[in-house]
């Protein structure tokens, strides 16, 4: 990444604003909810079989909406089970929102929440330094492997925490999405070298295949309206461009040729399609459900 350009993750407020707009403009949470209600219950049924208590963990849980959706499905499958839930989330704002959500939600007394204001890497260090040995029945890492230095090593560490029938659920953008094309084209100009950032499920599957690790995969078709990105000076468009490129104030800090190249690519069929005069970006996600280390 050019030194004049800074990573969006360096500004928590702007990141959260752009993320919120992304959620409003995309079908991301809708496609995840479809998966949680349609496919996840069978996966949760297999991990809880015969157990009265489950150890679960969310790594990069954000404000907790998706976590609580998962718990509602788990509770339907295993109404008598109690849960110890480790929440790993570095953003104080997001953790606060999660705690507020829990306080407002009835019937969660079967879950004990442990709050860890840490990155995935800090939590791994904490786990190792304290020689913790607890095994996990279910760990999920949703849209967070972009923010670690070595996604493969991170997957392997959290996979090593799984109990015999445990599962690690990873959700990232698909290699076939517009993100995949954008990152393949502009990886060197856009990607922050301190974190992986430009990673898709294609990268994680290649890593798991190299380790002969078994996993299942599920595509989650999703899209995002990015029409305002092409209106110079539009505030929402600039926030969305920041989110797409993961660059803080991309419009004003990117070299003109890079900005032009990104906008031109976003308009191509590799990334987007035009629907009723709107530019709709291919935001397709993929879920990987990874088995324990053998």
Protein backbone atom coordinates (compact mmCIF):
# COMPACT_ATOMS: atom_id res chain seq x y z
CA UNK A 1 0.00 0.00 0.00
CA UNK A 2 1.36 3.44 -0.93
CA UNK A 3 2.59 5.28 2.17
CA UNK A 4 0.25 8.22 1.44
CA UNK A 5 -2.68 5.81 1.82
CA UNK A 6 -3.62 4.48 5.25
CA UNK A 7 -5.59 1.37 6.10
CA UNK A 8 -9.25 1.91 6.96
CA UNK A 9 -8.81 -0.21 10.11
CA UNK A 10 -6.65 2.57 11.58
CA UNK A 11 -9.77 4.74 12.07
CA UNK A 12 -12.32 2.84 14.16
CA UNK A 13 -15.08 5.45 13.71
CA UNK A 14 -14.83 5.66 9.95
CA UNK A 15 -14.50 1.90 9.68
CA UNK A 16 -17.71 1.38 11.66
CA UNK A 17 -19.54 4.04 9.57
CA UNK A 18 -18.49 2.45 6.30
CA UNK A 19 -19.26 -1.04 7.63
CA UNK A 20 -22.74 0.07 8.72
CA UNK A 21 -23.40 1.54 5.26
CA UNK A 22 -22.10 -1.67 3.67
CA UNK A 23 -24.60 -3.70 5.74
CA UNK A 24 -27.45 -1.36 4.70
CA UNK A 25 -26.49 -1.59 1.03
CA UNK A 26 -25.72 -5.30 0.83
CA UNK A 27 -27.59 -8.55 1.34
CA UNK A 28 -24.69 -9.82 3.48
CA UNK A 29 -26.58 -10.36 6.74
CA UNK A 30 -29.62 -11.71 4.87
CA UNK A 31 -27.59 -14.43 3.13
CA UNK A 32 -25.87 -15.31 6.43
CA UNK A 33 -29.24 -15.56 8.17
CA UNK A 34 -30.53 -17.85 5.39
CA UNK A 35 -27.52 -20.10 6.01
CA UNK A 36 -27.98 -19.96 9.82
CA UNK A 37 -31.66 -20.91 9.55
CA UNK A 38 -31.30 -23.41 6.68
CA UNK A 39 -27.97 -25.25 6.90
CA UNK A 40 -26.39 -24.48 10.27
CA UNK A 41 -28.96 -26.32 12.45
CA UNK A 42 -27.77 -29.71 11.14
CA UNK A 43 -24.14 -28.75 11.80
CA UNK A 44 -25.05 -27.66 15.34
CA UNK A 45 -27.00 -30.89 15.85
CA UNK A 46 -23.83 -32.91 15.15
CA UNK A 47 -21.62 -30.97 17.59
CA UNK A 48 -24.04 -31.15 20.51
CA UNK A 49 -25.01 -34.78 20.32
CA UNK A 50 -25.11 -36.32 23.78
CA UNK A 51 -23.65 -33.25 25.52
CA UNK A 52 -25.22 -31.27 28.36
CA UNK A 53 -22.71 -28.41 28.05
CA UNK A 54 -21.00 -26.80 25.04
CA UNK A 55 -17.93 -24.58 24.78
CA UNK A 56 -18.27 -22.05 21.97
CA UNK A 57 -16.23 -19.13 20.69
CA UNK A 58 -16.78 -16.19 18.36
CA UNK A 59 -13.59 -14.66 16.96
CA UNK A 60 -14.27 -11.15 15.66
CA UNK A 61 -17.90 -11.28 16.77
CA UNK A 62 -18.59 -7.59 16.20
CA UNK A 63 -21.86 -6.39 17.73
CA UNK A 64 -23.14 -9.93 18.23
CA UNK A 65 -26.26 -10.02 16.00
CA UNK A 66 -25.06 -13.04 14.03
CA UNK A 67 -23.84 -14.81 17.21
CA UNK A 68 -27.28 -14.52 18.82
CA UNK A 69 -28.95 -15.80 15.63
CA UNK A 70 -26.73 -18.88 15.90
CA UNK A 71 -27.57 -19.34 19.58
CA UNK A 72 -31.31 -19.23 18.82
CA UNK A 73 -30.82 -22.11 16.34
CA UNK A 74 -28.63 -24.01 18.80
CA UNK A 75 -31.27 -23.62 21.52
CA UNK A 76 -33.94 -25.03 19.20
CA UNK A 77 -31.76 -28.08 18.52
CA UNK A 78 -30.52 -28.56 22.09
CA UNK A 79 -33.00 -26.85 24.46
CA UNK A 80 -31.41 -28.32 27.62
CA UNK A 81 -27.77 -27.51 26.79
CA UNK A 82 -25.81 -24.83 28.69
CA UNK A 83 -23.11 -22.84 26.87
CA UNK A 84 -19.82 -21.24 27.82
CA UNK A 85 -19.21 -18.60 25.14
CA UNK A 86 -15.88 -16.84 24.64
CA UNK A 87 -16.27 -13.57 22.70
CA UNK A 88 -13.06 -12.31 21.06
CA UNK A 89 -13.45 -8.79 19.64
CA UNK A 90 -10.88 -5.94 19.57
CA UNK A 91 -13.32 -3.03 19.11
CA UNK A 92 -14.56 -1.53 22.39
CA UNK A 93 -17.53 0.00 20.52
CA UNK A 94 -18.58 -3.32 19.03
CA UNK A 95 -18.16 -5.16 22.35
CA UNK A 96 -20.32 -2.54 24.06
CA UNK A 97 -23.06 -2.99 21.42
CA UNK A 98 -22.86 -6.77 21.88
CA UNK A 99 -23.27 -6.45 25.67
CA UNK A 100 -26.25 -4.10 25.21
CA UNK A 101 -27.84 -6.60 22.81
CA UNK A 102 -27.38 -9.44 25.33
CA UNK A 103 -28.90 -7.32 28.14
CA UNK A 104 -32.00 -6.64 26.00
CA UNK A 105 -32.49 -10.19 24.79
CA UNK A 106 -34.64 -12.48 26.97
CA UNK A 107 -33.94 -16.16 27.70
CA UNK A 108 -30.15 -16.13 27.37
CA UNK A 109 -29.53 -17.38 30.89
CA UNK A 110 -28.26 -20.71 29.52
CA UNK A 111 -25.19 -18.87 28.11
CA UNK A 112 -22.22 -17.63 30.15
CA UNK A 113 -20.44 -14.89 28.20
CA UNK A 114 -16.72 -14.21 28.68
CA UNK A 115 -15.64 -10.95 27.03
CA UNK A 116 -12.14 -10.70 25.56
CA UNK A 117 -11.27 -7.27 24.13
CA UNK A 118 -8.50 -8.70 21.96
CA UNK A 119 -7.56 -9.43 18.39
CA UNK A 120 -7.46 -13.07 17.26
CA UNK A 121 -3.66 -12.93 17.52
CA UNK A 122 -3.69 -11.44 21.04
CA UNK A 123 -6.15 -14.11 22.15
CA UNK A 124 -3.91 -16.85 20.74
CA UNK A 125 -0.95 -15.39 22.69
CA UNK A 126 -3.11 -15.20 25.86
CA UNK A 127 -4.21 -18.83 25.39
CA UNK A 128 -0.68 -20.12 24.91
CA UNK A 129 0.86 -18.06 27.75
CA UNK A 130 -1.78 -19.30 30.20
CA UNK A 131 -1.40 -22.92 29.01
CA UNK A 132 -5.16 -23.23 28.58
CA UNK A 133 -6.38 -26.66 27.54
CA UNK A 134 -10.16 -26.29 27.31
CA UNK A 135 -11.56 -27.82 24.10
CA UNK A 136 -14.15 -26.04 21.97
CA UNK A 137 -17.24 -27.57 20.36
CA UNK A 138 -17.85 -24.72 17.94
CA UNK A 139 -15.75 -21.72 16.86
CA UNK A 140 -16.80 -19.21 14.26
CA UNK A 141 -14.67 -16.63 12.42
CA UNK A 142 -16.98 -14.50 10.30
CA UNK A 143 -15.42 -11.97 7.94
CA UNK A 144 -12.34 -11.55 10.14
CA UNK A 145 -9.41 -13.40 8.55
CA UNK A 146 -8.65 -10.23 6.56
CA UNK A 147 -7.25 -8.73 9.77
CA UNK A 148 -4.57 -11.25 10.75
CA UNK A 149 -1.01 -11.50 9.47
CA UNK A 150 -1.14 -15.21 8.60
CA UNK A 151 -4.67 -16.54 7.93
CA UNK A 152 -3.50 -20.15 7.49
CA UNK A 153 -1.66 -20.23 10.83
CA UNK A 154 -4.66 -18.56 12.52
CA UNK A 155 -7.04 -21.19 11.12
CA UNK A 156 -4.71 -23.98 12.29
CA UNK A 157 -4.43 -22.57 15.83
CA UNK A 158 -8.20 -22.24 16.32
CA UNK A 159 -8.74 -25.61 14.66
CA UNK A 160 -6.36 -27.09 17.25
CA UNK A 161 -8.77 -25.97 20.02
CA UNK A 162 -11.62 -28.10 18.65
CA UNK A 163 -12.97 -31.10 20.52
CA UNK A 164 -13.37 -34.43 18.72
CA UNK A 165 -16.73 -33.55 17.09
CA UNK A 166 -16.10 -29.80 17.04
CA UNK A 167 -16.39 -27.53 14.00
CA UNK A 168 -14.67 -24.33 12.94
CA UNK A 169 -16.90 -22.14 10.78
CA UNK A 170 -15.15 -19.60 8.53
CA UNK A 171 -17.02 -17.07 6.38
CA UNK A 172 -15.15 -14.93 3.86
CA UNK A 173 -15.80 -13.45 0.44
CA UNK A 174 -15.68 -16.01 -2.33
CA UNK A 175 -12.83 -16.10 -4.82
CA UNK A 176 -15.49 -15.67 -7.51
CA UNK A 177 -16.88 -12.44 -6.02
CA UNK A 178 -16.12 -8.92 -7.17
CA UNK A 179 -13.75 -8.68 -4.19
CA UNK A 180 -11.70 -11.57 -5.59
CA UNK A 181 -11.27 -9.77 -8.92
CA UNK A 182 -10.52 -6.41 -7.26
CA UNK A 183 -7.87 -7.91 -5.00
CA UNK A 184 -6.24 -10.03 -7.70
CA UNK A 185 -5.92 -6.91 -9.85
CA UNK A 186 -4.80 -4.34 -7.26
CA UNK A 187 -3.36 -6.45 -4.43
CA UNK A 188 0.02 -4.67 -4.37
CA UNK A 189 -1.44 -1.16 -4.43
CA UNK A 190 -4.33 -1.72 -2.00
CA UNK A 191 -3.34 -4.37 0.47
CA UNK A 192 -1.87 -3.62 3.85
CA UNK A 193 1.22 -5.79 4.29
CA UNK A 194 0.84 -5.90 8.11
CA UNK A 195 -2.38 -7.93 7.79
CA UNK A 196 -3.60 -10.39 5.15
CA UNK A 197 -6.55 -8.18 4.10
CA UNK A 198 -6.91 -9.38 0.50
CA UNK A 199 -7.87 -12.97 1.36
CA UNK A 200 -10.74 -15.05 -0.07
CA UNK A 201 -12.05 -18.54 0.59
CA UNK A 202 -9.97 -19.61 -2.42
CA UNK A 203 -6.80 -18.89 -0.40
CA UNK A 204 -8.09 -20.72 2.69
CA UNK A 205 -9.24 -23.76 0.67
CA UNK A 206 -5.81 -23.98 -1.01
CA UNK A 207 -4.21 -23.88 2.47
CA UNK A 208 -6.56 -26.54 3.90
CA UNK A 209 -6.05 -28.75 0.83
CA UNK A 210 -2.27 -28.49 1.25
CA UNK A 211 -2.72 -29.78 4.82
CA UNK A 212 -5.21 -32.47 3.65
CA UNK A 213 -7.73 -31.05 6.12
CA UNK A 214 -11.36 -32.03 5.58
CA UNK A 215 -14.03 -29.33 5.30
CA UNK A 216 -17.38 -28.62 3.66
CA UNK A 217 -18.10 -25.47 1.67
CA UNK A 218 -21.33 -23.56 0.97
CA UNK A 219 -21.74 -20.59 -1.40
CA UNK A 220 -23.84 -17.65 -0.17
CA UNK A 221 -24.87 -15.44 -3.12
CA UNK A 222 -24.91 -11.80 -2.03
CA UNK A 223 -24.80 -8.36 -3.64
CA UNK A 224 -24.27 -4.70 -2.80
CA UNK A 225 -25.50 -1.48 -4.38
CA UNK A 226 -22.41 0.67 -5.08
CA UNK A 227 -24.03 3.21 -7.45
CA UNK A 228 -22.92 6.28 -5.41
CA UNK A 229 -19.25 5.27 -5.72
CA UNK A 230 -19.33 6.75 -9.23
CA UNK A 231 -20.62 10.19 -8.16
CA UNK A 232 -17.64 12.41 -7.36
CA UNK A 233 -17.92 13.88 -3.85
CA UNK A 234 -20.89 11.74 -2.74
CA UNK A 235 -20.28 11.03 0.96
CA UNK A 236 -21.93 7.61 0.94
CA UNK A 237 -20.06 6.69 -2.23
CA UNK A 238 -16.77 7.66 -0.60
CA UNK A 239 -17.56 5.56 2.49
CA UNK A 240 -18.37 2.57 0.30
CA UNK A 241 -15.16 3.07 -1.70
CA UNK A 242 -13.22 3.12 1.59
CA UNK A 243 -14.88 -0.17 2.53
CA UNK A 244 -14.27 -1.77 -0.88
CA UNK A 245 -10.60 -0.80 -0.98
CA UNK A 246 -10.00 -0.94 2.82
CA UNK A 247 -8.21 2.42 2.36
CA UNK A 248 -8.97 5.41 4.61
CA UNK A 249 -10.29 8.33 2.49
CA UNK A 250 -9.49 6.43 -0.70
CA UNK A 251 -11.03 9.10 -2.95
CA UNK A 252 -8.74 11.85 -1.71
CA UNK A 253 -5.53 9.89 -0.97
CA UNK A 254 -5.28 7.37 -3.84
CA UNK A 255 -3.14 8.32 -6.87
CA UNK A 256 -5.48 9.39 -9.74
CA UNK A 257 -4.53 6.43 -11.96
CA UNK A 258 -5.25 3.92 -9.16
CA UNK A 259 -8.60 5.55 -8.39
CA UNK A 260 -9.53 5.49 -12.08
CA UNK A 261 -8.41 1.87 -12.41
CA UNK A 262 -10.45 0.75 -9.37
CA UNK A 263 -13.60 2.58 -10.52
CA UNK A 264 -13.25 1.21 -14.07
CA UNK A 265 -12.83 -2.35 -12.74
CA UNK A 266 -15.81 -2.01 -10.38
CA UNK A 267 -17.97 -1.25 -13.44
CA UNK A 268 -16.95 -4.40 -15.34
CA UNK A 269 -19.02 -7.62 -15.42
CA UNK A 270 -16.22 -9.31 -13.42
CA UNK A 271 -17.29 -7.20 -10.43
CA UNK A 272 -20.76 -5.79 -10.99
CA UNK A 273 -23.89 -5.75 -13.11
CA UNK A 274 -26.31 -2.98 -13.93
CA UNK A 275 -29.89 -3.43 -12.69
CA UNK A 276 -32.51 -0.71 -13.27
CA UNK A 277 -29.81 1.94 -13.60
CA UNK A 278 -28.06 0.85 -10.36
CA UNK A 279 -24.57 -0.69 -10.14
CA UNK A 280 -24.82 -3.96 -8.18
CA UNK A 281 -21.54 -5.42 -6.93
CA UNK A 282 -21.03 -9.20 -6.61
CA UNK A 283 -20.58 -9.67 -2.85
CA UNK A 284 -20.85 -13.50 -2.87
CA UNK A 285 -19.59 -15.15 0.32
CA UNK A 286 -18.55 -18.70 1.06
CA UNK A 287 -18.79 -20.70 4.27
CA UNK A 288 -16.14 -23.28 5.14
CA UNK A 289 -16.96 -25.72 7.93
CA UNK A 290 -13.64 -27.17 9.01
CA UNK A 291 -13.13 -30.42 10.90
CA UNK A 292 -10.75 -30.81 13.88
CA UNK A 293 -7.04 -31.49 13.36
CA UNK A 294 -6.43 -35.20 12.94
